[in-house]
């Protein structure tokens, strides 16, 4: 991501939550969204079944929570 646009990204609601060694933008997220994150890192490259990367664990937890919420809503409707 071009760092010249960082202020514009942030003004539109994106949060820069991770940078590289040289300060370049590597992770952005939408703070009010249950799970929106974009990353230029490759968390799956260091993730294993025995030691999953925290980003992947968080994504899986968000998927489960979303599914459970949708199930509760569908059960509550007549």
N, C-alpha and C. Protein backbone atom coordinates (compact mmCIF):
# COMPACT_ATOMS: atom_id res chain seq x y z
N UNK A 1 0.85 -1.18 0.00
CA UNK A 1 0.00 0.00 0.00
C UNK A 1 0.88 1.23 0.00
N UNK A 2 0.51 2.14 -0.82
CA UNK A 2 1.27 3.37 -0.93
C UNK A 2 1.09 4.21 0.34
N UNK A 3 2.17 4.48 1.07
CA UNK A 3 2.05 5.24 2.32
C UNK A 3 1.55 6.66 2.12
N UNK A 4 1.64 7.17 0.88
CA UNK A 4 1.13 8.52 0.62
C UNK A 4 -0.38 8.61 0.84
N UNK A 5 -1.06 7.48 0.84
CA UNK A 5 -2.51 7.45 1.01
C UNK A 5 -2.96 7.08 2.42
N UNK A 6 -2.03 6.92 3.33
CA UNK A 6 -2.38 6.46 4.68
C UNK A 6 -3.43 7.36 5.34
N UNK A 7 -3.26 8.67 5.28
CA UNK A 7 -4.22 9.58 5.91
C UNK A 7 -5.60 9.45 5.28
N UNK A 8 -5.66 9.23 3.98
CA UNK A 8 -6.95 9.05 3.31
C UNK A 8 -7.61 7.74 3.73
N UNK A 9 -6.82 6.68 3.84
CA UNK A 9 -7.35 5.39 4.31
C UNK A 9 -7.95 5.56 5.71
N UNK A 10 -7.19 6.19 6.58
CA UNK A 10 -7.64 6.37 7.96
C UNK A 10 -8.86 7.29 8.03
N UNK A 11 -8.91 8.31 7.20
CA UNK A 11 -10.05 9.22 7.18
C UNK A 11 -11.33 8.51 6.73
N UNK A 12 -11.18 7.46 5.96
CA UNK A 12 -12.34 6.68 5.47
C UNK A 12 -12.71 5.55 6.42
N UNK A 13 -12.02 5.42 7.54
CA UNK A 13 -12.40 4.42 8.53
C UNK A 13 -11.47 3.23 8.67
N UNK A 14 -10.49 3.10 7.80
CA UNK A 14 -9.53 2.00 7.97
C UNK A 14 -8.54 2.35 9.07
N UNK A 15 -8.18 1.35 9.85
CA UNK A 15 -7.16 1.53 10.88
C UNK A 15 -5.91 0.78 10.43
N UNK A 16 -4.79 1.46 10.41
CA UNK A 16 -3.53 0.80 10.13
C UNK A 16 -3.09 0.16 11.44
N UNK A 17 -3.07 -1.16 11.47
CA UNK A 17 -2.77 -1.86 12.72
C UNK A 17 -1.49 -2.69 12.65
N UNK A 18 -0.78 -2.59 11.55
CA UNK A 18 0.49 -3.29 11.45
C UNK A 18 1.34 -2.68 10.36
N UNK A 19 2.62 -2.53 10.66
CA UNK A 19 3.55 -1.97 9.69
C UNK A 19 4.78 -2.87 9.62
N UNK A 20 5.50 -2.78 8.51
CA UNK A 20 6.72 -3.55 8.33
C UNK A 20 7.90 -2.86 8.99
N UNK A 21 9.06 -3.44 8.82
CA UNK A 21 10.28 -2.90 9.44
C UNK A 21 10.60 -1.48 8.98
N UNK A 22 10.24 -1.16 7.76
CA UNK A 22 10.53 0.17 7.22
C UNK A 22 9.34 1.12 7.38
N UNK A 23 8.33 0.71 8.15
CA UNK A 23 7.17 1.56 8.39
C UNK A 23 6.09 1.46 7.33
N UNK A 24 6.25 0.55 6.38
CA UNK A 24 5.25 0.40 5.33
C UNK A 24 3.99 -0.29 5.88
N UNK A 25 2.85 0.10 5.35
CA UNK A 25 1.57 -0.45 5.80
C UNK A 25 1.50 -1.93 5.43
N UNK A 26 1.24 -2.78 6.43
CA UNK A 26 1.15 -4.22 6.20
C UNK A 26 -0.20 -4.80 6.63
N UNK A 27 -0.90 -4.14 7.57
CA UNK A 27 -2.20 -4.64 8.03
C UNK A 27 -3.14 -3.46 8.20
N UNK A 28 -4.36 -3.60 7.69
CA UNK A 28 -5.42 -2.62 7.93
C UNK A 28 -6.66 -3.37 8.41
N UNK A 29 -7.49 -2.67 9.15
CA UNK A 29 -8.73 -3.26 9.63
C UNK A 29 -9.81 -2.20 9.71
N UNK A 30 -11.05 -2.65 9.78
CA UNK A 30 -12.19 -1.77 10.01
C UNK A 30 -12.60 -2.00 11.46
N UNK A 31 -12.39 -1.02 12.33
CA UNK A 31 -12.60 -1.21 13.77
C UNK A 31 -14.00 -1.67 14.17
N UNK A 32 -15.04 -1.18 13.51
CA UNK A 32 -16.41 -1.51 13.92
C UNK A 32 -16.95 -2.78 13.28
N UNK A 33 -16.15 -3.45 12.49
CA UNK A 33 -16.59 -4.68 11.82
C UNK A 33 -16.19 -5.88 12.67
N UNK A 34 -17.04 -6.92 12.76
CA UNK A 34 -16.70 -8.07 13.60
C UNK A 34 -15.37 -8.73 13.23
N UNK A 35 -15.06 -8.76 11.94
CA UNK A 35 -13.77 -9.32 11.55
C UNK A 35 -13.47 -8.90 10.12
N UNK A 36 -12.89 -7.73 9.98
CA UNK A 36 -12.38 -7.30 8.68
C UNK A 36 -10.93 -6.93 8.89
N UNK A 37 -10.08 -7.67 8.26
CA UNK A 37 -8.65 -7.39 8.32
C UNK A 37 -8.06 -7.74 6.97
N UNK A 38 -7.17 -6.91 6.50
CA UNK A 38 -6.43 -7.18 5.28
C UNK A 38 -4.95 -7.13 5.63
N UNK A 39 -4.23 -8.12 5.19
CA UNK A 39 -2.82 -8.19 5.55
C UNK A 39 -1.96 -8.58 4.37
N UNK A 40 -0.78 -8.03 4.34
CA UNK A 40 0.21 -8.42 3.35
C UNK A 40 1.18 -9.45 3.93
N UNK A 41 1.01 -9.77 5.21
CA UNK A 41 1.77 -10.85 5.81
C UNK A 41 1.14 -12.18 5.38
N UNK A 42 1.83 -13.26 5.52
CA UNK A 42 1.31 -14.58 5.19
C UNK A 42 1.23 -15.43 6.45
N UNK A 43 0.19 -15.22 7.28
CA UNK A 43 0.13 -15.95 8.55
C UNK A 43 0.07 -17.46 8.37
N UNK A 44 -0.50 -17.93 7.26
CA UNK A 44 -0.60 -19.36 7.05
C UNK A 44 0.77 -20.02 6.82
N UNK A 45 1.76 -19.23 6.45
CA UNK A 45 3.09 -19.78 6.19
C UNK A 45 3.74 -20.32 7.46
N UNK A 46 3.40 -19.75 8.60
CA UNK A 46 4.00 -20.20 9.87
C UNK A 46 2.99 -20.92 10.76
N UNK A 47 1.82 -21.15 10.25
CA UNK A 47 0.76 -21.78 11.04
C UNK A 47 0.79 -23.29 10.85
N UNK A 48 0.58 -24.00 11.95
CA UNK A 48 0.46 -25.46 11.89
C UNK A 48 -0.78 -25.86 12.68
N UNK A 49 -1.20 -27.09 12.53
CA UNK A 49 -2.36 -27.57 13.30
C UNK A 49 -2.07 -27.52 14.79
N UNK A 50 -0.85 -27.78 15.17
CA UNK A 50 -0.49 -27.77 16.59
C UNK A 50 -0.30 -26.36 17.14
N UNK A 51 0.05 -25.43 16.26
CA UNK A 51 0.29 -24.05 16.69
C UNK A 51 -0.23 -23.09 15.62
N UNK A 52 -1.56 -22.92 15.56
CA UNK A 52 -2.13 -22.03 14.54
C UNK A 52 -1.79 -20.57 14.81
N UNK A 53 -1.67 -19.81 13.75
CA UNK A 53 -1.37 -18.38 13.88
C UNK A 53 -2.57 -17.68 14.53
N UNK A 54 -2.34 -16.73 15.44
CA UNK A 54 -3.45 -16.03 16.12
C UNK A 54 -4.44 -15.36 15.16
N UNK A 55 -3.98 -14.87 14.02
CA UNK A 55 -4.89 -14.26 13.06
C UNK A 55 -5.87 -15.29 12.51
N UNK A 56 -5.39 -16.49 12.25
CA UNK A 56 -6.26 -17.55 11.73
C UNK A 56 -7.21 -18.06 12.82
N UNK A 57 -6.73 -18.13 14.04
CA UNK A 57 -7.60 -18.52 15.17
C UNK A 57 -8.71 -17.49 15.35
N UNK A 58 -8.36 -16.21 15.27
CA UNK A 58 -9.35 -15.15 15.41
C UNK A 58 -10.37 -15.18 14.30
N UNK A 59 -9.93 -15.45 13.08
CA UNK A 59 -10.85 -15.53 11.95
C UNK A 59 -11.82 -16.70 12.15
N UNK A 60 -11.31 -17.85 12.53
CA UNK A 60 -12.18 -19.01 12.76
C UNK A 60 -13.18 -18.73 13.87
N UNK A 61 -12.75 -18.07 14.93
CA UNK A 61 -13.66 -17.73 16.03
C UNK A 61 -14.74 -16.76 15.56
N UNK A 62 -14.37 -15.79 14.71
CA UNK A 62 -15.36 -14.84 14.19
C UNK A 62 -16.38 -15.54 13.30
N UNK A 63 -15.93 -16.51 12.51
CA UNK A 63 -16.85 -17.28 11.66
C UNK A 63 -17.85 -18.04 12.51
N UNK A 64 -17.37 -18.71 13.55
CA UNK A 64 -18.24 -19.48 14.45
C UNK A 64 -19.24 -18.55 15.13
N UNK A 65 -18.77 -17.41 15.64
CA UNK A 65 -19.65 -16.47 16.33
C UNK A 65 -20.73 -15.93 15.38
N UNK A 66 -20.35 -15.64 14.15
CA UNK A 66 -21.32 -15.15 13.17
C UNK A 66 -22.37 -16.21 12.87
N UNK A 67 -21.92 -17.43 12.70
CA UNK A 67 -22.86 -18.53 12.42
C UNK A 67 -23.81 -18.76 13.58
N UNK A 68 -23.28 -18.71 14.79
CA UNK A 68 -24.13 -18.90 15.98
C UNK A 68 -25.15 -17.77 16.09
N UNK A 69 -24.74 -16.54 15.81
CA UNK A 69 -25.67 -15.40 15.87
C UNK A 69 -26.77 -15.55 14.82
N UNK A 70 -26.41 -15.98 13.63
CA UNK A 70 -27.42 -16.18 12.59
C UNK A 70 -28.37 -17.30 12.95
N UNK A 71 -27.86 -18.34 13.56
CA UNK A 71 -28.71 -19.45 13.99
C UNK A 71 -29.70 -18.98 15.05
N UNK A 72 -29.21 -18.20 16.04
CA UNK A 72 -30.10 -17.68 17.08
C UNK A 72 -31.19 -16.81 16.47
N UNK A 73 -30.83 -15.97 15.51
CA UNK A 73 -31.82 -15.11 14.86
C UNK A 73 -32.86 -15.92 14.09
N UNK A 74 -32.42 -16.95 13.39
CA UNK A 74 -33.38 -17.75 12.61
C UNK A 74 -34.31 -18.55 13.53
N UNK A 75 -33.81 -18.98 14.68
CA UNK A 75 -34.65 -19.72 15.64
C UNK A 75 -35.65 -18.79 16.34
N UNK A 76 -35.30 -17.52 16.47
CA UNK A 76 -36.16 -16.56 17.15
C UNK A 76 -37.31 -16.08 16.27
N UNK A 77 -37.17 -16.24 14.98
CA UNK A 77 -38.24 -15.80 14.05
C UNK A 77 -39.34 -16.84 14.01
N UNK A 78 -40.58 -16.35 13.93
CA UNK A 78 -41.72 -17.31 13.85
C UNK A 78 -41.81 -18.02 12.53
